């Protein structure tokens, strides 16, 4: 991946977040659900600020899932308008702060105007090597694995790859975010305790952290609580603590 600020072992290199609870936040205040989504956009900016401050290298946000297209037409339309406005309003500032933006998901399901804005944002920030900000929009983890499998099948059919050479690394290289380290820490707001078809392959050994706080309620203290949890964990990746000790000592 591109060079980024070095983070300490207690700081995740890659943070992945499901931003849940916008609609419920609005409903509890007897407001339209879109008001919650607008409030959630402010929480995104707070999260980006926090990651830059802490030296987190990559941030992946689940903004809109493949399944979200099934929501009421009015809500989807309002979300698309909010998405477009955010692209027009925020990209210059993110570019100034050396943030690289990318979008992962089935972008052909978006309108041509939104796709054009996505491409423009990616092009404008492509050379930035600060925070690597990935927005999962019209994204599903099963879709991601399926499109990687299709790419492998195409390579085999074209004679560029032998079947016996297909392994985990070959599939990983064809997934979205292949150039980033897997997420070290996953956060979900809103009280639900599931990963909802988000980065299914990538989260195999990710530390999971859930909070009852709704996404618009996000603050720096909540994020710091997640980092404190992460720092307290012993990440063994299938090994024992005794096996890890010499490896940890060799890096000190």
C-alpha atoms as a PDB file:
ATOM      1  CA  UNK A   1       0.000   0.000   0.000  1.00  0.00           C
ATOM      2  CA  UNK A   2       1.031   3.640  -0.228  1.00  0.00           C
ATOM      3  CA  UNK A   3       3.233   4.937   2.549  1.00  0.00           C
ATOM      4  CA  UNK A   4       1.374   6.185   5.613  1.00  0.00           C
ATOM      5  CA  UNK A   5       2.237   7.502   9.033  1.00  0.00           C
ATOM      6  CA  UNK A   6       3.526   4.691  11.221  1.00  0.00           C
ATOM      7  CA  UNK A   7       1.161   3.640  14.003  1.00  0.00           C
ATOM      8  CA  UNK A   8       2.149   1.992  17.297  1.00  0.00           C
ATOM      9  CA  UNK A   9       1.265  -1.684  17.940  1.00  0.00           C
ATOM     10  CA  UNK A  10      -1.625  -0.475  20.121  1.00  0.00           C
ATOM     11  CA  UNK A  11      -3.108   1.458  17.203  1.00  0.00           C
ATOM     12  CA  UNK A  12      -4.845  -0.482  14.404  1.00  0.00           C
ATOM     13  CA  UNK A  13      -3.427   0.037  10.947  1.00  0.00           C
ATOM     14  CA  UNK A  14      -6.842  -0.468   9.355  1.00  0.00           C
ATOM     15  CA  UNK A  15     -10.175   0.351  10.995  1.00  0.00           C
ATOM     16  CA  UNK A  16     -13.457  -0.894   9.478  1.00  0.00           C
ATOM     17  CA  UNK A  17     -16.800   0.496  10.656  1.00  0.00           C
ATOM     18  CA  UNK A  18     -20.490  -0.257  10.124  1.00  0.00           C
ATOM     19  CA  UNK A  19     -22.190   3.077  10.740  1.00  0.00           C
ATOM     20  CA  UNK A  20     -25.499   1.842  12.143  1.00  0.00           C
ATOM     21  CA  UNK A  21     -28.302   3.715  13.867  1.00  0.00           C
ATOM     22  CA  UNK A  22     -28.982   6.836  11.798  1.00  0.00           C
ATOM     23  CA  UNK A  23     -32.652   6.034  11.227  1.00  0.00           C
ATOM     24  CA  UNK A  24     -33.304   5.018  14.833  1.00  0.00           C
ATOM     25  CA  UNK A  25     -31.586   8.191  16.081  1.00  0.00           C
ATOM     26  CA  UNK A  26     -34.032  10.276  14.043  1.00  0.00           C
ATOM     27  CA  UNK A  27     -37.082   8.202  14.981  1.00  0.00           C
ATOM     28  CA  UNK A  28     -36.357   8.603  18.692  1.00  0.00           C
ATOM     29  CA  UNK A  29     -36.530  12.344  18.093  1.00  0.00           C
ATOM     30  CA  UNK A  30     -39.702  12.029  16.006  1.00  0.00           C
ATOM     31  CA  UNK A  31     -37.867  13.286  12.938  1.00  0.00           C
ATOM     32  CA  UNK A  32     -37.669  11.875   9.394  1.00  0.00           C
ATOM     33  CA  UNK A  33     -35.013   9.183   8.936  1.00  0.00           C
ATOM     34  CA  UNK A  34     -33.063  11.383   6.515  1.00  0.00           C
ATOM     35  CA  UNK A  35     -32.380  13.784   9.399  1.00  0.00           C
ATOM     36  CA  UNK A  36     -30.511  10.932  11.060  1.00  0.00           C
ATOM     37  CA  UNK A  37     -28.476  10.325   7.932  1.00  0.00           C
ATOM     38  CA  UNK A  38     -27.477  14.011   7.848  1.00  0.00           C
ATOM     39  CA  UNK A  39     -26.412  13.780  11.482  1.00  0.00           C
ATOM     40  CA  UNK A  40     -24.476  10.647  10.620  1.00  0.00           C
ATOM     41  CA  UNK A  41     -22.520  12.556   7.978  1.00  0.00           C
ATOM     42  CA  UNK A  42     -21.154  14.791  10.735  1.00  0.00           C
ATOM     43  CA  UNK A  43     -20.032  11.698  12.638  1.00  0.00           C
ATOM     44  CA  UNK A  44     -18.076  10.599   9.558  1.00  0.00           C
ATOM     45  CA  UNK A  45     -16.046  13.811   9.707  1.00  0.00           C
ATOM     46  CA  UNK A  46     -15.367  13.260  13.415  1.00  0.00           C
ATOM     47  CA  UNK A  47     -14.204   9.715  12.689  1.00  0.00           C
ATOM     48  CA  UNK A  48     -11.857  10.876   9.925  1.00  0.00           C
ATOM     49  CA  UNK A  49     -10.387  13.526  12.253  1.00  0.00           C
ATOM     50  CA  UNK A  50      -9.854  10.875  14.945  1.00  0.00           C
ATOM     51  CA  UNK A  51      -8.077   8.495  12.563  1.00  0.00           C
ATOM     52  CA  UNK A  52      -5.737  11.205  11.315  1.00  0.00           C
ATOM     53  CA  UNK A  53      -4.955  12.288  14.880  1.00  0.00           C
ATOM     54  CA  UNK A  54      -4.208   8.725  16.010  1.00  0.00           C
ATOM     55  CA  UNK A  55      -2.125   7.754  13.004  1.00  0.00           C
ATOM     56  CA  UNK A  56      -4.519   5.084  11.758  1.00  0.00           C
ATOM     57  CA  UNK A  57      -3.476   4.316   8.197  1.00  0.00           C
ATOM     58  CA  UNK A  58      -6.721   3.090   6.618  1.00  0.00           C
ATOM     59  CA  UNK A  59     -10.413   3.599   7.352  1.00  0.00           C
ATOM     60  CA  UNK A  60     -13.174   1.668   5.592  1.00  0.00           C
ATOM     61  CA  UNK A  61     -16.757   2.817   6.159  1.00  0.00           C
ATOM     62  CA  UNK A  62     -19.857   0.795   5.263  1.00  0.00           C
ATOM     63  CA  UNK A  63     -22.031   3.553   3.828  1.00  0.00           C
ATOM     64  CA  UNK A  64     -24.611   1.650   1.773  1.00  0.00           C
ATOM     65  CA  UNK A  65     -24.992  -2.097   1.396  1.00  0.00           C
ATOM     66  CA  UNK A  66     -26.213  -4.118  -1.572  1.00  0.00           C
ATOM     67  CA  UNK A  67     -29.315  -4.896   0.490  1.00  0.00           C
ATOM     68  CA  UNK A  68     -30.038  -1.218   1.229  1.00  0.00           C
ATOM     69  CA  UNK A  69     -31.392  -0.796  -2.316  1.00  0.00           C
ATOM     70  CA  UNK A  70     -34.485  -2.577  -1.005  1.00  0.00           C
ATOM     71  CA  UNK A  71     -35.338   0.248   1.403  1.00  0.00           C
ATOM     72  CA  UNK A  72     -38.292   2.578   0.654  1.00  0.00           C
ATOM     73  CA  UNK A  73     -37.753   4.464  -2.598  1.00  0.00           C
ATOM     74  CA  UNK A  74     -38.032   7.848  -0.911  1.00  0.00           C
ATOM     75  CA  UNK A  75     -35.329   7.036   1.618  1.00  0.00           C
ATOM     76  CA  UNK A  76     -32.992   5.669  -1.052  1.00  0.00           C
ATOM     77  CA  UNK A  77     -33.504   8.780  -3.171  1.00  0.00           C
ATOM     78  CA  UNK A  78     -32.777  11.059  -0.221  1.00  0.00           C
ATOM     79  CA  UNK A  79     -29.657   9.041   0.596  1.00  0.00           C
ATOM     80  CA  UNK A  80     -28.404   9.372  -2.967  1.00  0.00           C
ATOM     81  CA  UNK A  81     -28.899  13.147  -2.835  1.00  0.00           C
ATOM     82  CA  UNK A  82     -27.069  13.309   0.488  1.00  0.00           C
ATOM     83  CA  UNK A  83     -24.271  11.177  -0.941  1.00  0.00           C
ATOM     84  CA  UNK A  84     -23.928  13.457  -3.963  1.00  0.00           C
ATOM     85  CA  UNK A  85     -23.865  16.579  -1.804  1.00  0.00           C
ATOM     86  CA  UNK A  86     -21.211  15.090   0.451  1.00  0.00           C
ATOM     87  CA  UNK A  87     -19.012  14.271  -2.543  1.00  0.00           C
ATOM     88  CA  UNK A  88     -19.287  17.821  -3.817  1.00  0.00           C
ATOM     89  CA  UNK A  89     -18.733  19.402  -0.395  1.00  0.00           C
ATOM     90  CA  UNK A  90     -16.021  17.299   1.270  1.00  0.00           C
ATOM     91  CA  UNK A  91     -13.558  16.164  -1.389  1.00  0.00           C
ATOM     92  CA  UNK A  92     -11.485  19.343  -1.606  1.00  0.00           C
ATOM     93  CA  UNK A  93     -10.973  19.421   2.166  1.00  0.00           C
ATOM     94  CA  UNK A  94     -10.052  15.733   2.285  1.00  0.00           C
ATOM     95  CA  UNK A  95      -7.618  16.269  -0.568  1.00  0.00           C
ATOM     96  CA  UNK A  96      -6.041  19.184   1.315  1.00  0.00           C
ATOM     97  CA  UNK A  97      -5.540  16.875   4.292  1.00  0.00           C
ATOM     98  CA  UNK A  98      -3.752  14.270   2.129  1.00  0.00           C
ATOM     99  CA  UNK A  99      -6.610  11.742   2.357  1.00  0.00           C
ATOM    100  CA  UNK A 100      -6.970   9.274  -0.505  1.00  0.00           C
ATOM    101  CA  UNK A 101     -10.584   8.359  -1.322  1.00  0.00           C
ATOM    102  CA  UNK A 102     -11.795   5.202  -3.026  1.00  0.00           C
ATOM    103  CA  UNK A 103     -15.187   3.558  -3.453  1.00  0.00           C
ATOM    104  CA  UNK A 104     -15.796  -0.183  -3.373  1.00  0.00           C
ATOM    105  CA  UNK A 105     -18.995  -1.888  -4.484  1.00  0.00           C
ATOM    106  CA  UNK A 106     -21.282  -2.243  -7.490  1.00  0.00           C
ATOM    107  CA  UNK A 107     -21.045   1.335  -8.655  1.00  0.00           C
ATOM    108  CA  UNK A 108     -22.947   0.604 -11.884  1.00  0.00           C
ATOM    109  CA  UNK A 109     -26.113   0.610  -9.772  1.00  0.00           C
ATOM    110  CA  UNK A 110     -25.658   4.315  -9.065  1.00  0.00           C
ATOM    111  CA  UNK A 111     -26.741   7.090 -11.397  1.00  0.00           C
ATOM    112  CA  UNK A 112     -24.188   8.262 -13.995  1.00  0.00           C
ATOM    113  CA  UNK A 113     -23.868  11.595 -12.145  1.00  0.00           C
ATOM    114  CA  UNK A 114     -22.888   9.903  -8.879  1.00  0.00           C
ATOM    115  CA  UNK A 115     -20.476   7.531 -10.632  1.00  0.00           C
ATOM    116  CA  UNK A 116     -18.825  10.527 -12.310  1.00  0.00           C
ATOM    117  CA  UNK A 117     -18.395  12.239  -8.925  1.00  0.00           C
ATOM    118  CA  UNK A 118     -16.932   9.045  -7.443  1.00  0.00           C
ATOM    119  CA  UNK A 119     -14.408   8.798 -10.250  1.00  0.00           C
ATOM    120  CA  UNK A 120     -13.526  12.490  -9.956  1.00  0.00           C
ATOM    121  CA  UNK A 121     -12.939  12.163  -6.199  1.00  0.00           C
ATOM    122  CA  UNK A 122     -10.729   9.099  -6.693  1.00  0.00           C
ATOM    123  CA  UNK A 123      -8.720  10.812  -9.430  1.00  0.00           C
ATOM    124  CA  UNK A 124      -8.287  14.034  -7.447  1.00  0.00           C
ATOM    125  CA  UNK A 125      -6.930  12.232  -4.377  1.00  0.00           C
ATOM    126  CA  UNK A 126      -5.116   9.319  -6.045  1.00  0.00           C
ATOM    127  CA  UNK A 127      -1.625  10.602  -5.228  1.00  0.00           C
ATOM    128  CA  UNK A 128      -2.340  11.231  -1.552  1.00  0.00           C
ATOM    129  CA  UNK A 129      -0.535   8.965   0.913  1.00  0.00           C
ATOM    130  CA  UNK A 130      -2.160   9.989   4.190  1.00  0.00           C
ATOM    131  CA  UNK A 131      -5.295   8.293   5.489  1.00  0.00           C
ATOM    132  CA  UNK A 132      -6.595   5.726   2.996  1.00  0.00           C
ATOM    133  CA  UNK A 133     -10.377   6.270   3.132  1.00  0.00           C
ATOM    134  CA  UNK A 134     -12.505   3.564   1.495  1.00  0.00           C
ATOM    135  CA  UNK A 135     -16.253   4.031   1.183  1.00  0.00           C
ATOM    136  CA  UNK A 136     -18.205   0.785   0.758  1.00  0.00           C
ATOM    137  CA  UNK A 137     -21.260   1.805  -1.266  1.00  0.00           C
ATOM    138  CA  UNK A 138     -23.616  -0.707  -2.907  1.00  0.00           C
ATOM    139  CA  UNK A 139     -21.207  -3.195  -1.383  1.00  0.00           C
ATOM    140  CA  UNK A 140     -21.614  -6.745  -0.128  1.00  0.00           C
ATOM    141  CA  UNK A 141     -18.977  -9.162   1.091  1.00  0.00           C
ATOM    142  CA  UNK A 142     -20.484 -12.009  -0.924  1.00  0.00           C
ATOM    143  CA  UNK A 143     -20.394  -9.820  -4.046  1.00  0.00           C
ATOM    144  CA  UNK A 144     -16.735  -9.071  -3.368  1.00  0.00           C
ATOM    145  CA  UNK A 145     -15.813 -12.761  -3.153  1.00  0.00           C
ATOM    146  CA  UNK A 146     -17.950 -13.581  -6.198  1.00  0.00           C
ATOM    147  CA  UNK A 147     -16.318 -10.945  -8.390  1.00  0.00           C
ATOM    148  CA  UNK A 148     -12.894 -12.197  -7.297  1.00  0.00           C
ATOM    149  CA  UNK A 149     -13.888 -15.768  -8.217  1.00  0.00           C
ATOM    150  CA  UNK A 150     -15.085 -14.572 -11.609  1.00  0.00           C
ATOM    151  CA  UNK A 151     -11.742 -12.834 -12.192  1.00  0.00           C
ATOM    152  CA  UNK A 152      -9.913 -16.076 -11.373  1.00  0.00           C
ATOM    153  CA  UNK A 153     -12.197 -18.030 -13.722  1.00  0.00           C
ATOM    154  CA  UNK A 154     -11.557 -15.520 -16.508  1.00  0.00           C
ATOM    155  CA  UNK A 155      -7.798 -15.824 -16.028  1.00  0.00           C
ATOM    156  CA  UNK A 156      -8.025 -19.637 -16.177  1.00  0.00           C
ATOM    157  CA  UNK A 157     -10.193 -19.508 -19.311  1.00  0.00           C
ATOM    158  CA  UNK A 158      -7.722 -17.140 -20.985  1.00  0.00           C
ATOM    159  CA  UNK A 159      -4.752 -19.348 -20.120  1.00  0.00           C
ATOM    160  CA  UNK A 160      -3.183 -16.771 -17.783  1.00  0.00           C
ATOM    161  CA  UNK A 161      -3.598 -18.943 -14.685  1.00  0.00           C
ATOM    162  CA  UNK A 162      -3.556 -22.669 -13.936  1.00  0.00           C
ATOM    163  CA  UNK A 163      -6.275 -24.123 -11.725  1.00  0.00           C
ATOM    164  CA  UNK A 164      -3.654 -25.638  -9.417  1.00  0.00           C
ATOM    165  CA  UNK A 165      -2.213 -22.148  -8.819  1.00  0.00           C
ATOM    166  CA  UNK A 166      -5.445 -20.870  -7.280  1.00  0.00           C
ATOM    167  CA  UNK A 167      -4.966 -20.409  -3.546  1.00  0.00           C
ATOM    168  CA  UNK A 168      -5.977 -17.947  -0.846  1.00  0.00           C
ATOM    169  CA  UNK A 169      -3.377 -15.405  -1.964  1.00  0.00           C
ATOM    170  CA  UNK A 170      -4.601 -15.542  -5.564  1.00  0.00           C
ATOM    171  CA  UNK A 171      -8.170 -14.833  -4.499  1.00  0.00           C
ATOM    172  CA  UNK A 172      -7.113 -12.125  -2.026  1.00  0.00           C
ATOM    173  CA  UNK A 173      -5.299 -10.245  -4.792  1.00  0.00           C
ATOM    174  CA  UNK A 174      -8.558  -9.967  -6.736  1.00  0.00           C
ATOM    175  CA  UNK A 175     -10.673  -8.646  -3.875  1.00  0.00           C
ATOM    176  CA  UNK A 176     -11.365  -5.004  -3.330  1.00  0.00           C
ATOM    177  CA  UNK A 177      -8.864  -3.425  -0.915  1.00  0.00           C
ATOM    178  CA  UNK A 178      -6.248  -5.984  -1.992  1.00  0.00           C
ATOM    179  CA  UNK A 179      -3.502  -3.381  -1.545  1.00  0.00           C
ATOM    180  CA  UNK A 180      -4.424  -2.675   2.095  1.00  0.00           C
ATOM    181  CA  UNK A 181      -3.722  -4.773   5.182  1.00  0.00           C
ATOM    182  CA  UNK A 182      -6.808  -6.568   6.501  1.00  0.00           C
ATOM    183  CA  UNK A 183      -8.763  -4.602   9.111  1.00  0.00           C
ATOM    184  CA  UNK A 184      -7.248  -4.930  12.569  1.00  0.00           C
ATOM    185  CA  UNK A 185     -10.333  -3.561  14.313  1.00  0.00           C
ATOM    186  CA  UNK A 186     -14.015  -3.643  13.345  1.00  0.00           C
ATOM    187  CA  UNK A 187     -16.529  -1.336  15.020  1.00  0.00           C
ATOM    188  CA  UNK A 188     -20.306  -1.479  14.731  1.00  0.00           C
ATOM    189  CA  UNK A 189     -22.479   1.162  16.320  1.00  0.00           C
ATOM    190  CA  UNK A 190     -26.202   0.850  17.016  1.00  0.00           C
ATOM    191  CA  UNK A 191     -26.251  -2.204  19.282  1.00  0.00           C
ATOM    192  CA  UNK A 192     -26.525  -4.917  16.610  1.00  0.00           C
ATOM    193  CA  UNK A 193     -23.942  -7.694  16.938  1.00  0.00           C
ATOM    194  CA  UNK A 194     -23.351  -8.981  13.409  1.00  0.00           C
ATOM    195  CA  UNK A 195     -21.163  -8.063  10.451  1.00  0.00           C
ATOM    196  CA  UNK A 196     -24.019  -7.860   7.914  1.00  0.00           C
ATOM    197  CA  UNK A 197     -22.204  -9.055   4.779  1.00  0.00           C
ATOM    198  CA  UNK A 198     -19.365  -6.537   5.232  1.00  0.00           C
ATOM    199  CA  UNK A 199     -15.802  -7.503   4.221  1.00  0.00           C
ATOM    200  CA  UNK A 200     -16.492 -11.188   4.843  1.00  0.00           C
ATOM    201  CA  UNK A 201     -13.103 -12.420   3.614  1.00  0.00           C
ATOM    202  CA  UNK A 202     -11.128  -9.540   5.129  1.00  0.00           C
ATOM    203  CA  UNK A 203     -12.479  -9.858   8.696  1.00  0.00           C
ATOM    204  CA  UNK A 204     -11.203 -13.404   9.319  1.00  0.00           C
ATOM    205  CA  UNK A 205      -8.891 -12.373  12.193  1.00  0.00           C
ATOM    206  CA  UNK A 206     -10.170  -8.873  12.912  1.00  0.00           C
ATOM    207  CA  UNK A 207     -10.940  -7.817  16.482  1.00  0.00           C
ATOM    208  CA  UNK A 208     -14.672  -7.044  16.772  1.00  0.00           C
ATOM    209  CA  UNK A 209     -16.108  -4.269  18.961  1.00  0.00           C
ATOM    210  CA  UNK A 210     -19.779  -3.353  19.319  1.00  0.00           C
ATOM    211  CA  UNK A 211     -21.398  -0.367  20.994  1.00  0.00           C
ATOM    212  CA  UNK A 212     -24.983   0.588  21.809  1.00  0.00           C
ATOM    213  CA  UNK A 213     -24.245   4.175  20.731  1.00  0.00           C
ATOM    214  CA  UNK A 214     -26.073   5.149  17.557  1.00  0.00           C
ATOM    215  CA  UNK A 215     -23.842   6.424  14.768  1.00  0.00           C
ATOM    216  CA  UNK A 216     -24.845  10.131  15.075  1.00  0.00           C
ATOM    217  CA  UNK A 217     -23.938   9.903  18.784  1.00  0.00           C
ATOM    218  CA  UNK A 218     -20.352   8.948  17.968  1.00  0.00           C
ATOM    219  CA  UNK A 219     -17.694  10.909  19.804  1.00  0.00           C
ATOM    220  CA  UNK A 220     -13.959  10.677  20.359  1.00  0.00           C
ATOM    221  CA  UNK A 221     -14.468   8.960  23.729  1.00  0.00           C
ATOM    222  CA  UNK A 222     -16.408   6.127  22.074  1.00  0.00           C
ATOM    223  CA  UNK A 223     -13.709   5.633  19.467  1.00  0.00           C
ATOM    224  CA  UNK A 224     -11.011   5.735  22.136  1.00  0.00           C
ATOM    225  CA  UNK A 225     -12.900   3.044  24.036  1.00  0.00           C
ATOM    226  CA  UNK A 226     -12.699   0.827  20.963  1.00  0.00           C
ATOM    227  CA  UNK A 227      -8.960   1.479  20.669  1.00  0.00           C
ATOM    228  CA  UNK A 228      -8.450   0.693  24.354  1.00  0.00           C
ATOM    229  CA  UNK A 229     -10.241  -2.628  23.819  1.00  0.00           C
ATOM    230  CA  UNK A 230      -8.048  -3.352  20.806  1.00  0.00           C
ATOM    231  CA  UNK A 231      -4.862  -2.552  22.728  1.00  0.00           C
ATOM    232  CA  UNK A 232      -5.869  -4.996  25.469  1.00  0.00           C
ATOM    233  CA  UNK A 233      -6.281  -7.924  23.094  1.00  0.00           C
ATOM    234  CA  UNK A 234      -3.617 -10.550  22.360  1.00  0.00           C
ATOM    235  CA  UNK A 235      -3.849 -11.206  18.647  1.00  0.00           C
ATOM    236  CA  UNK A 236      -2.650 -14.783  18.139  1.00  0.00           C
ATOM    237  CA  UNK A 237      -3.816 -15.565  14.568  1.00  0.00           C
ATOM    238  CA  UNK A 238      -4.304 -19.222  15.467  1.00  0.00           C
ATOM    239  CA  UNK A 239      -1.034 -19.552  17.420  1.00  0.00           C
ATOM    240  CA  UNK A 240      -0.551 -19.814  21.185  1.00  0.00           C
ATOM    241  CA  UNK A 241       0.653 -17.007  23.406  1.00  0.00           C
ATOM    242  CA  UNK A 242       3.876 -18.930  24.045  1.00  0.00           C
ATOM    243  CA  UNK A 243       4.543 -19.148  20.315  1.00  0.00           C
ATOM    244  CA  UNK A 244       3.969 -15.436  19.875  1.00  0.00           C
ATOM    245  CA  UNK A 245       6.313 -14.315  22.656  1.00  0.00           C
ATOM    246  CA  UNK A 246       9.590 -14.890  20.705  1.00  0.00           C
ATOM    247  CA  UNK A 247       8.111 -13.181  17.661  1.00  0.00           C
ATOM    248  CA  UNK A 248       7.120 -10.159  19.711  1.00  0.00           C
ATOM    249  CA  UNK A 249      10.526  -9.996  21.375  1.00  0.00           C
ATOM    250  CA  UNK A 250      12.275 -10.056  17.987  1.00  0.00           C
ATOM    251  CA  UNK A 251      10.402  -6.927  16.901  1.00  0.00           C
ATOM    252  CA  UNK A 252      11.253  -4.945  20.050  1.00  0.00           C
END
